[in-house]
Amino acid sequence: MNALSTMLLISDAFVELCDEMPLRKVSISDIVERTGKNRKTFYYHFENKDRLIIWIFRYDMGQCLKQHFSESVLLYDDDPEDPTSRFPYYITQKSGVRSLDHAEFFQCFAEVLEGRRNFYRQALVDNGPYSLRNYLYALYLEAMKRDIDIILSNRYLPKDNIDFLAEFYTCAFLYYYIRRCDARGVERIGGQAGPFANIIHSSLENEIKEAQMRRNL
């Protein structure tokens, strides 16, 4: 088996085990027993369970984004040492010189969580320093800062303001989906956004425009 096939075998076994017992109780021994591999093979590919959880998310997100978008709008990590860098995690889809329309990205994000909902529901409960939740925050905080730079398009905004906007909107989008993933009785994690599907970026654009107008008065 090649490296990707082995990693998929391990990840699928882990997800299956999480349907049979709580994620926190699944051990490395359980995973290698289910796969027929050994611990050395597991640790060759994954440092620990936290890194396995992150890899599963990045793989799922990468596959979803490749199905919905052309390669030209996909964003990748630039760290060749990171095994997740082969998978896209975000997009840059412009709808104007200073406008972004990422509505379909958020649909993909919801689709990924829905695809393995029980697994992600358990994985996102953990708020430890190496958890998926904190990884997503760091990953998409930087993506949101990049989006703000695109919307600003060489216009000035103090760094403190940029940091606030990036943190506010990153937290808003992540908390919304994490909460809905865990909520009982919620069938569609993506909800019924309708005309508000691009609310994050349209709101960002409007706030930046208003800030620029106030500075020019």
Protein backbone atom coordinates (compact mmCIF):
# COMPACT_ATOMS: atom_id res chain seq x y z
CA MET A 1 0.00 0.00 0.00
CA ASN A 2 1.17 3.54 -0.69
CA ALA A 3 1.30 6.16 2.08
CA LEU A 4 -2.09 7.71 1.26
CA SER A 5 -3.83 4.32 1.18
CA THR A 6 -2.35 3.43 4.56
CA MET A 7 -3.38 6.76 6.07
CA LEU A 8 -6.92 6.32 4.74
CA LEU A 9 -7.05 2.80 6.17
CA ILE A 10 -6.03 4.12 9.59
CA SER A 11 -8.40 7.08 9.44
CA ASP A 12 -11.39 4.98 8.34
CA ALA A 13 -10.70 2.48 11.14
CA PHE A 14 -10.56 5.32 13.66
CA VAL A 15 -13.87 6.79 12.48
CA GLU A 16 -15.51 3.34 12.61
CA LEU A 17 -14.26 2.83 16.17
CA CYS A 18 -15.69 6.22 17.16
CA ASP A 19 -19.11 4.92 16.12
CA GLU A 20 -18.65 1.98 18.49
CA MET A 21 -17.20 3.74 21.52
CA PRO A 22 -16.50 7.32 22.66
CA LEU A 23 -13.66 8.93 20.72
CA ARG A 24 -11.69 9.67 23.89
CA LYS A 25 -11.64 5.95 24.71
CA VAL A 26 -10.32 4.82 21.33
CA SER A 27 -6.66 3.91 21.77
CA ILE A 28 -3.82 3.56 19.31
CA SER A 29 -3.90 -0.16 20.12
CA ASP A 30 -7.56 -0.30 19.08
CA ILE A 31 -6.75 1.39 15.78
CA VAL A 32 -3.80 -0.83 14.85
CA GLU A 33 -5.75 -3.94 15.82
CA ARG A 34 -8.63 -2.88 13.56
CA THR A 35 -6.29 -2.16 10.62
CA GLY A 36 -4.05 -5.18 11.04
CA LYS A 37 -1.06 -2.84 11.06
CA ASN A 38 1.37 -2.25 13.91
CA ARG A 39 2.11 0.74 16.15
CA LYS A 40 5.24 1.57 14.19
CA THR A 41 3.14 2.02 11.04
CA PHE A 42 0.71 4.29 12.89
CA TYR A 43 3.45 6.50 14.31
CA TYR A 44 5.24 6.64 10.98
CA HIS A 45 2.23 8.48 9.57
CA PHE A 46 0.70 10.22 12.61
CA GLU A 47 2.33 11.70 15.67
CA ASN A 48 -0.73 11.02 17.83
CA LYS A 49 -4.54 10.90 17.77
CA ASP A 50 -4.83 14.69 17.60
CA ARG A 51 -2.81 14.79 14.39
CA LEU A 52 -4.90 11.95 12.98
CA ILE A 53 -8.10 13.89 13.69
CA ILE A 54 -6.68 16.96 11.97
CA TRP A 55 -5.55 14.90 8.98
CA ILE A 56 -9.04 13.42 8.62
CA PHE A 57 -10.58 16.89 8.56
CA ARG A 58 -8.05 18.18 6.03
CA TYR A 59 -8.57 15.15 3.80
CA ASP A 60 -12.37 15.48 3.96
CA MET A 61 -12.24 19.22 3.33
CA GLY A 62 -9.76 18.82 0.49
CA GLN A 63 -11.93 16.26 -1.29
CA CYS A 64 -15.04 18.41 -0.88
CA LEU A 65 -13.35 21.57 -2.16
CA LYS A 66 -11.91 19.78 -5.19
CA GLN A 67 -15.41 18.58 -6.08
CA HIS A 68 -16.92 22.07 -5.90
CA PHE A 69 -14.20 24.40 -7.16
CA SER A 70 -11.66 24.73 -9.91
CA GLU A 71 -8.01 24.38 -8.95
CA SER A 72 -7.39 28.08 -9.64
CA VAL A 73 -9.35 29.23 -6.56
CA LEU A 74 -8.11 26.62 -4.07
CA LEU A 75 -5.72 27.51 -1.25
CA TYR A 76 -3.05 25.14 0.09
CA ASP A 77 -0.50 25.23 2.90
CA ASP A 78 3.06 25.97 1.81
CA ASP A 79 4.73 23.53 4.23
CA PRO A 80 6.00 20.52 2.26
CA GLU A 81 6.81 18.71 5.52
CA ASP A 82 3.16 18.75 6.63
CA PRO A 83 1.23 15.76 5.21
CA THR A 84 -1.96 17.87 5.13
CA SER A 85 -0.39 20.38 2.73
CA ARG A 86 -1.46 18.27 -0.25
CA PHE A 87 -5.10 19.07 0.54
CA PRO A 88 -6.73 22.47 -0.07
CA TYR A 89 -8.41 23.98 2.97
CA TYR A 90 -9.91 27.23 1.68
CA ILE A 91 -10.66 29.27 -1.42
CA THR A 92 -10.28 32.74 -2.83
CA GLN A 93 -13.29 33.46 -5.00
CA LYS A 94 -13.70 37.07 -6.00
CA SER A 95 -17.00 38.62 -7.04
CA GLY A 96 -15.46 42.03 -7.71
CA VAL A 97 -12.21 43.93 -7.25
CA ARG A 98 -12.71 44.18 -3.49
CA SER A 99 -15.46 41.61 -2.98
CA LEU A 100 -15.35 37.93 -2.10
CA ASP A 101 -18.13 35.37 -2.40
CA HIS A 102 -17.31 32.39 -0.21
CA ALA A 103 -20.87 31.19 0.31
CA GLU A 104 -20.12 27.86 -1.34
CA PHE A 105 -17.07 27.35 0.87
CA PHE A 106 -19.26 27.52 3.96
CA GLN A 107 -21.61 25.01 2.37
CA CYS A 108 -18.60 22.71 1.90
CA PHE A 109 -17.60 23.19 5.52
CA ALA A 110 -21.07 22.11 6.63
CA GLU A 111 -21.05 19.20 4.16
CA VAL A 112 -17.78 17.92 5.62
CA LEU A 113 -19.16 17.95 9.17
CA GLU A 114 -22.38 16.28 8.04
CA GLY A 115 -20.47 13.54 6.23
CA ARG A 116 -19.01 12.16 9.48
CA ARG A 117 -21.21 13.95 11.95
CA ASN A 118 -20.82 11.62 14.91
CA PHE A 119 -17.06 11.67 14.56
CA TYR A 120 -16.79 15.46 14.24
CA ARG A 121 -19.31 16.03 17.01
CA GLN A 122 -16.99 14.15 19.37
CA ALA A 123 -13.77 15.59 17.97
CA LEU A 124 -14.96 19.19 18.30
CA VAL A 125 -15.88 18.83 21.98
CA ASP A 126 -12.21 18.82 22.92
CA ASN A 127 -10.82 22.32 23.51
CA GLY A 128 -7.25 21.32 24.37
CA PRO A 129 -4.24 23.12 22.88
CA TYR A 130 -3.79 20.49 20.13
CA SER A 131 -7.47 19.87 19.48
CA LEU A 132 -9.24 20.11 16.15
CA ARG A 133 -11.23 23.08 17.43
CA ASN A 134 -8.10 25.11 18.17
CA TYR A 135 -6.45 23.97 14.96
CA LEU A 136 -9.44 25.24 12.96
CA TYR A 137 -9.34 28.56 14.76
CA ALA A 138 -5.65 29.11 13.94
CA LEU A 139 -6.06 27.89 10.36
CA TYR A 140 -9.06 30.03 9.45
CA LEU A 141 -7.96 33.08 11.45
CA GLU A 142 -5.04 33.46 9.06
CA ALA A 143 -7.34 32.81 6.10
CA MET A 144 -9.71 35.52 7.30
CA LYS A 145 -6.82 38.00 7.67
CA ARG A 146 -5.89 37.23 4.08
CA ASP A 147 -9.48 37.89 3.00
CA ILE A 148 -9.45 41.23 4.82
CA ASP A 149 -6.28 42.21 2.96
CA ILE A 150 -8.02 41.43 -0.33
CA ILE A 151 -11.08 43.48 0.64
CA LEU A 152 -8.88 46.37 1.79
CA SER A 153 -6.98 46.27 -1.52
CA ASN A 154 -4.15 48.59 -0.35
CA ARG A 155 -6.47 50.79 1.71
CA TYR A 156 -5.34 51.43 5.27
CA LEU A 157 -6.85 49.91 8.38
CA PRO A 158 -4.98 49.72 11.71
CA LYS A 159 -3.57 46.29 12.53
CA ASP A 160 -5.60 46.13 15.75
CA ASN A 161 -8.78 46.62 13.71
CA ILE A 162 -7.77 43.92 11.24
CA ASP A 163 -7.00 41.51 14.09
CA PHE A 164 -10.37 42.24 15.70
CA LEU A 165 -12.33 41.68 12.49
CA ALA A 166 -10.46 38.47 11.70
CA GLU A 167 -10.99 37.05 15.17
CA PHE A 168 -14.64 38.12 15.37
CA TYR A 169 -15.69 36.60 12.05
CA THR A 170 -13.57 33.45 12.46
CA CYS A 171 -15.17 32.80 15.83
CA ALA A 172 -18.62 33.55 14.45
CA PHE A 173 -18.42 31.06 11.60
CA LEU A 174 -16.69 28.29 13.56
CA TYR A 175 -18.94 28.52 16.61
CA TYR A 176 -22.05 28.46 14.43
CA TYR A 177 -21.07 25.21 12.72
CA ILE A 178 -19.58 23.57 15.80
CA ARG A 179 -22.73 24.30 17.79
CA ARG A 180 -25.03 23.01 15.05
CA CYS A 181 -22.92 19.88 14.62
CA ASP A 182 -23.51 19.04 18.29
CA ALA A 183 -27.14 20.19 18.46
CA ARG A 184 -29.77 17.47 18.71
CA GLY A 185 -32.62 17.77 16.25
CA VAL A 186 -30.63 19.83 13.74
CA GLU A 187 -30.72 17.92 10.47
CA ARG A 188 -28.75 20.30 8.27
CA ILE A 189 -25.64 21.79 9.81
CA GLY A 190 -25.49 24.42 7.08
CA GLY A 191 -28.93 25.66 8.02
CA GLN A 192 -31.12 27.72 5.72
CA ALA A 193 -28.83 30.65 4.96
CA GLY A 194 -30.61 31.56 1.73
CA PRO A 195 -29.76 35.15 0.75
CA PHE A 196 -27.41 35.37 3.76
CA ALA A 197 -25.11 32.57 2.57
CA ASN A 198 -22.25 35.03 2.10
CA ILE A 199 -22.98 36.98 5.27
CA ILE A 200 -19.43 36.72 6.64
CA HIS A 201 -17.75 38.36 3.67
CA SER A 202 -20.52 40.77 2.74
CA SER A 203 -20.55 41.98 6.36
CA LEU A 204 -16.76 42.28 6.37
CA GLU A 205 -16.88 44.33 3.18
CA ASN A 206 -19.56 46.66 4.56
CA GLU A 207 -17.75 47.19 7.87
CA ILE A 208 -14.52 48.03 6.07
CA LYS A 209 -16.32 50.43 3.74
CA GLU A 210 -17.94 52.21 6.67
CA ALA A 211 -14.61 52.44 8.51
CA GLN A 212 -13.00 53.99 5.43
CA MET A 213 -15.84 56.52 5.09
CA ARG A 214 -15.48 57.53 8.74
CA ARG A 215 -11.76 58.08 8.28
CA ASN A 216 -12.38 60.29 5.25
CA LEU A 217 -14.86 62.61 6.98
